[in-house]
């Protein structure tokens, strides 16, 4: 993926250089009424692309920040769910141990009842 990104950036920069070599004529940019900027067309294009790149980077950082906040919320929710499941496991273990303690007592009492039936 890095190679593809490098090739894309290289091609864009090469196109900018070739465009700049061909377009050295001054051009006027009207920023606001009464404020004008005169510079070669290639410089203005490079400035516009630079501003666009900075805006794209800011948007990317903002998106990553939102994802990080969302993932923190998801982690908290999953931690609560894990805690609930661990409590359930402990409760089920306690119930199972209680049932296992009752099982041998029930088995002994049934064996005693069978012995009484045979004795009669």
C-alpha atoms as a PDB file:
ATOM      1  CA  UNK A   1       0.000   0.000   0.000  1.00  0.00           C
ATOM      2  CA  UNK A   2       2.888   2.370   0.727  1.00  0.00           C
ATOM      3  CA  UNK A   3       4.242   1.831  -2.774  1.00  0.00           C
ATOM      4  CA  UNK A   4       0.909   2.793  -4.285  1.00  0.00           C
ATOM      5  CA  UNK A   5       0.748   5.937  -2.134  1.00  0.00           C
ATOM      6  CA  UNK A   6       4.307   6.844  -3.152  1.00  0.00           C
ATOM      7  CA  UNK A   7       3.504   6.407  -6.846  1.00  0.00           C
ATOM      8  CA  UNK A   8       0.375   8.547  -6.565  1.00  0.00           C
ATOM      9  CA  UNK A   9       2.212  11.346  -4.733  1.00  0.00           C
ATOM     10  CA  UNK A  10       5.129  11.145  -7.170  1.00  0.00           C
ATOM     11  CA  UNK A  11       2.835  11.429 -10.209  1.00  0.00           C
ATOM     12  CA  UNK A  12       0.991  14.409  -8.704  1.00  0.00           C
ATOM     13  CA  UNK A  13       4.266  16.190  -7.880  1.00  0.00           C
ATOM     14  CA  UNK A  14       5.623  15.482 -11.357  1.00  0.00           C
ATOM     15  CA  UNK A  15       2.455  16.873 -12.909  1.00  0.00           C
ATOM     16  CA  UNK A  16       2.786  19.993 -10.736  1.00  0.00           C
ATOM     17  CA  UNK A  17       6.389  20.527 -11.815  1.00  0.00           C
ATOM     18  CA  UNK A  18       5.534  20.092 -15.504  1.00  0.00           C
ATOM     19  CA  UNK A  19       2.541  22.404 -15.129  1.00  0.00           C
ATOM     20  CA  UNK A  20       4.718  24.973 -13.337  1.00  0.00           C
ATOM     21  CA  UNK A  21       7.341  24.927 -16.090  1.00  0.00           C
ATOM     22  CA  UNK A  22       4.688  25.578 -18.741  1.00  0.00           C
ATOM     23  CA  UNK A  23       2.641  28.184 -16.832  1.00  0.00           C
ATOM     24  CA  UNK A  24       4.854  30.973 -15.553  1.00  0.00           C
ATOM     25  CA  UNK A  25       2.485  33.765 -16.591  1.00  0.00           C
ATOM     26  CA  UNK A  26       1.190  35.871 -13.710  1.00  0.00           C
ATOM     27  CA  UNK A  27      -2.414  35.388 -12.692  1.00  0.00           C
ATOM     28  CA  UNK A  28      -4.614  37.427 -10.391  1.00  0.00           C
ATOM     29  CA  UNK A  29      -6.561  35.921  -7.508  1.00  0.00           C
ATOM     30  CA  UNK A  30      -9.298  38.024  -5.973  1.00  0.00           C
ATOM     31  CA  UNK A  31      -9.541  36.857  -2.361  1.00  0.00           C
ATOM     32  CA  UNK A  32     -12.081  39.417  -1.234  1.00  0.00           C
ATOM     33  CA  UNK A  33     -13.426  42.490  -2.947  1.00  0.00           C
ATOM     34  CA  UNK A  34     -10.517  44.912  -3.081  1.00  0.00           C
ATOM     35  CA  UNK A  35      -7.848  42.358  -2.128  1.00  0.00           C
ATOM     36  CA  UNK A  36      -6.007  40.817  -5.035  1.00  0.00           C
ATOM     37  CA  UNK A  37      -2.967  38.560  -5.184  1.00  0.00           C
ATOM     38  CA  UNK A  38      -0.836  38.375  -8.296  1.00  0.00           C
ATOM     39  CA  UNK A  39       1.551  35.425  -8.685  1.00  0.00           C
ATOM     40  CA  UNK A  40       2.530  32.903 -11.328  1.00  0.00           C
ATOM     41  CA  UNK A  41      -0.219  30.393 -12.037  1.00  0.00           C
ATOM     42  CA  UNK A  42       1.979  27.472 -10.970  1.00  0.00           C
ATOM     43  CA  UNK A  43       2.622  29.039  -7.536  1.00  0.00           C
ATOM     44  CA  UNK A  44      -1.084  29.622  -7.054  1.00  0.00           C
ATOM     45  CA  UNK A  45      -1.818  26.012  -7.985  1.00  0.00           C
ATOM     46  CA  UNK A  46       0.806  24.715  -5.547  1.00  0.00           C
ATOM     47  CA  UNK A  47      -0.659  26.956  -2.818  1.00  0.00           C
ATOM     48  CA  UNK A  48      -4.173  25.694  -3.532  1.00  0.00           C
ATOM     49  CA  UNK A  49      -3.009  22.061  -3.437  1.00  0.00           C
ATOM     50  CA  UNK A  50      -1.131  22.711  -0.194  1.00  0.00           C
ATOM     51  CA  UNK A  51      -4.218  24.191   1.427  1.00  0.00           C
ATOM     52  CA  UNK A  52      -6.260  21.241   0.169  1.00  0.00           C
ATOM     53  CA  UNK A  53      -3.713  18.781   1.597  1.00  0.00           C
ATOM     54  CA  UNK A  54      -3.792  20.513   4.988  1.00  0.00           C
ATOM     55  CA  UNK A  55      -7.595  20.434   5.023  1.00  0.00           C
ATOM     56  CA  UNK A  56      -7.571  16.739   4.084  1.00  0.00           C
ATOM     57  CA  UNK A  57      -5.100  16.040   6.916  1.00  0.00           C
ATOM     58  CA  UNK A  58      -7.265  17.946   9.430  1.00  0.00           C
ATOM     59  CA  UNK A  59     -10.311  15.973   8.309  1.00  0.00           C
ATOM     60  CA  UNK A  60      -8.357  12.712   8.630  1.00  0.00           C
ATOM     61  CA  UNK A  61      -7.224  13.583  12.166  1.00  0.00           C
ATOM     62  CA  UNK A  62     -10.794  14.529  13.110  1.00  0.00           C
ATOM     63  CA  UNK A  63     -12.115  11.217  11.764  1.00  0.00           C
ATOM     64  CA  UNK A  64      -9.451   9.230  13.646  1.00  0.00           C
ATOM     65  CA  UNK A  65     -10.311  11.110  16.848  1.00  0.00           C
ATOM     66  CA  UNK A  66     -13.983  10.260  16.442  1.00  0.00           C
ATOM     67  CA  UNK A  67     -13.150   6.587  15.843  1.00  0.00           C
ATOM     68  CA  UNK A  68     -10.933   6.537  18.941  1.00  0.00           C
ATOM     69  CA  UNK A  69     -13.730   7.973  21.070  1.00  0.00           C
ATOM     70  CA  UNK A  70     -16.212   5.460  19.645  1.00  0.00           C
ATOM     71  CA  UNK A  71     -13.845   2.565  20.276  1.00  0.00           C
ATOM     72  CA  UNK A  72     -13.351   3.697  23.890  1.00  0.00           C
ATOM     73  CA  UNK A  73     -17.117   3.595  24.359  1.00  0.00           C
ATOM     74  CA  UNK A  74     -17.237   0.119  22.822  1.00  0.00           C
ATOM     75  CA  UNK A  75     -14.438  -1.073  25.105  1.00  0.00           C
ATOM     76  CA  UNK A  76     -16.275   0.228  28.167  1.00  0.00           C
ATOM     77  CA  UNK A  77     -19.490  -1.517  27.112  1.00  0.00           C
ATOM     78  CA  UNK A  78     -17.618  -4.755  26.450  1.00  0.00           C
ATOM     79  CA  UNK A  79     -15.816  -4.514  29.794  1.00  0.00           C
ATOM     80  CA  UNK A  80     -19.172  -4.241  31.559  1.00  0.00           C
ATOM     81  CA  UNK A  81     -20.469  -7.232  29.598  1.00  0.00           C
ATOM     82  CA  UNK A  82     -17.336  -9.258  30.456  1.00  0.00           C
ATOM     83  CA  UNK A  83     -17.796  -8.425  34.139  1.00  0.00           C
ATOM     84  CA  UNK A  84     -21.444  -9.560  33.977  1.00  0.00           C
ATOM     85  CA  UNK A  85     -20.439 -12.815  32.277  1.00  0.00           C
ATOM     86  CA  UNK A  86     -17.702 -13.474  34.845  1.00  0.00           C
ATOM     87  CA  UNK A  87     -20.228 -12.954  37.643  1.00  0.00           C
ATOM     88  CA  UNK A  88     -22.591 -15.382  35.897  1.00  0.00           C
ATOM     89  CA  UNK A  89     -19.821 -17.977  35.614  1.00  0.00           C
ATOM     90  CA  UNK A  90     -19.037 -17.659  39.331  1.00  0.00           C
ATOM     91  CA  UNK A  91     -22.729 -17.978  40.194  1.00  0.00           C
ATOM     92  CA  UNK A  92     -23.097 -21.034  37.967  1.00  0.00           C
ATOM     93  CA  UNK A  93     -20.015 -22.610  39.527  1.00  0.00           C
ATOM     94  CA  UNK A  94     -21.475 -22.083  42.999  1.00  0.00           C
ATOM     95  CA  UNK A  95     -24.806 -23.581  41.903  1.00  0.00           C
ATOM     96  CA  UNK A  96     -23.023 -26.547  40.330  1.00  0.00           C
ATOM     97  CA  UNK A  97     -20.995 -27.173  43.482  1.00  0.00           C
ATOM     98  CA  UNK A  98     -24.171 -27.005  45.565  1.00  0.00           C
ATOM     99  CA  UNK A  99     -25.895 -29.482  43.265  1.00  0.00           C
ATOM    100  CA  UNK A 100     -22.892 -31.802  43.372  1.00  0.00           C
ATOM    101  CA  UNK A 101     -22.961 -31.721  47.190  1.00  0.00           C
ATOM    102  CA  UNK A 102     -26.636 -32.641  47.112  1.00  0.00           C
ATOM    103  CA  UNK A 103     -26.143 -35.416  44.560  1.00  0.00           C
ATOM    104  CA  UNK A 104     -24.117 -37.822  46.759  1.00  0.00           C
ATOM    105  CA  UNK A 105     -26.554 -37.317  49.635  1.00  0.00           C
ATOM    106  CA  UNK A 106     -29.452 -38.144  47.350  1.00  0.00           C
ATOM    107  CA  UNK A 107     -27.614 -41.188  45.997  1.00  0.00           C
ATOM    108  CA  UNK A 108     -26.940 -42.456  49.548  1.00  0.00           C
ATOM    109  CA  UNK A 109     -30.547 -41.970  50.606  1.00  0.00           C
ATOM    110  CA  UNK A 110     -31.862 -43.848  47.531  1.00  0.00           C
ATOM    111  CA  UNK A 111     -29.452 -46.700  48.191  1.00  0.00           C
ATOM    112  CA  UNK A 112     -30.669 -46.813  51.794  1.00  0.00           C
ATOM    113  CA  UNK A 113     -34.299 -46.861  50.638  1.00  0.00           C
ATOM    114  CA  UNK A 114     -33.540 -49.709  48.210  1.00  0.00           C
ATOM    115  CA  UNK A 115     -31.862 -51.673  51.002  1.00  0.00           C
ATOM    116  CA  UNK A 116     -34.935 -51.200  53.207  1.00  0.00           C
ATOM    117  CA  UNK A 117     -37.213 -52.389  50.400  1.00  0.00           C
ATOM    118  CA  UNK A 118     -35.140 -55.560  49.909  1.00  0.00           C
ATOM    119  CA  UNK A 119     -35.058 -56.206  53.673  1.00  0.00           C
ATOM    120  CA  UNK A 120     -38.813 -56.227  53.917  1.00  0.00           C
END
